[in-house]
C-alpha cells in the first residue's frame, strides 16, 4: 500500500495542472477577448498620450 500513498500526490497534482491548463485555454478568445483587447488598447493609448505630452529632455 505504500506505492498507492506515494502515487496519490503526483496524480492529484497532474489532474490539478491539467484543469488549470484547460481553464486557461478556454478563457482565451471568446466573448472576453474583445473586452480584454479594448482594455489593453486603452492602456497603450493612455501611455502613448502621456509620453507625447511630456516635453523631451534632449
Protein backbone atom coordinates (compact mmCIF):
# COMPACT_ATOMS: atom_id res chain seq x y z
CA UNK A 1 0.00 0.00 0.00
CA UNK A 2 2.99 2.33 0.23
CA UNK A 3 3.06 2.63 -3.54
CA UNK A 4 -0.50 3.98 -3.56
CA UNK A 5 0.29 6.64 -0.99
CA UNK A 6 3.41 7.50 -2.98
CA UNK A 7 1.46 7.90 -6.24
CA UNK A 8 -1.53 9.88 -4.97
CA UNK A 9 0.15 13.33 -4.63
CA UNK A 10 1.66 13.32 -8.16
CA UNK A 11 -1.63 12.15 -9.65
CA UNK A 12 -3.57 14.86 -7.81
CA UNK A 13 -1.08 17.49 -8.96
CA UNK A 14 -1.27 16.24 -12.55
CA UNK A 15 -5.07 16.46 -12.52
CA UNK A 16 -4.97 19.95 -11.00
CA UNK A 17 -2.38 21.12 -13.54
CA UNK A 18 -4.44 19.72 -16.41
CA UNK A 19 -7.53 21.50 -15.10
CA UNK A 20 -5.56 24.75 -14.85
CA UNK A 21 -4.31 24.46 -18.44
CA UNK A 22 -7.81 23.65 -19.72
CA UNK A 23 -9.21 26.68 -17.88
CA UNK A 24 -6.51 28.95 -19.33
CA UNK A 25 -7.08 27.68 -22.87
CA UNK A 26 -10.87 28.03 -22.58
CA UNK A 27 -10.57 31.60 -21.29
CA UNK A 28 -8.59 32.69 -24.36
CA UNK A 29 -10.71 34.35 -27.00
CA UNK A 30 -14.47 34.26 -26.97
CA UNK A 31 -16.67 36.98 -25.54
CA UNK A 32 -14.00 38.27 -23.15
CA UNK A 33 -11.39 38.73 -25.87
CA UNK A 34 -12.94 41.97 -27.13
CA UNK A 35 -13.09 43.44 -23.61
CA UNK A 36 -9.51 42.42 -22.87
CA UNK A 37 -8.27 43.82 -26.19
CA UNK A 38 -10.11 47.08 -25.58
CA UNK A 39 -8.60 47.41 -22.10
CA UNK A 40 -5.09 46.81 -23.44
CA UNK A 41 -5.62 49.25 -26.32
CA UNK A 42 -6.87 51.91 -23.90
CA UNK A 43 -3.87 51.43 -21.61
CA UNK A 44 -1.46 51.66 -24.54
CA UNK A 45 -3.18 54.79 -25.87
CA UNK A 46 -3.09 56.40 -22.43
CA UNK A 47 0.61 55.64 -22.02
CA UNK A 48 1.36 56.92 -25.51
CA UNK A 49 -0.52 60.18 -24.94
CA UNK A 50 1.28 60.74 -21.63
CA UNK A 51 4.62 60.09 -23.30
CA UNK A 52 3.85 62.60 -26.06
CA UNK A 53 2.53 65.19 -23.61
CA UNK A 54 5.79 65.32 -21.66
CA UNK A 55 8.46 67.60 -23.13
CA UNK A 56 11.56 65.75 -24.20
CA UNK A 57 14.66 66.23 -22.07
CA UNK A 58 17.06 66.41 -25.02
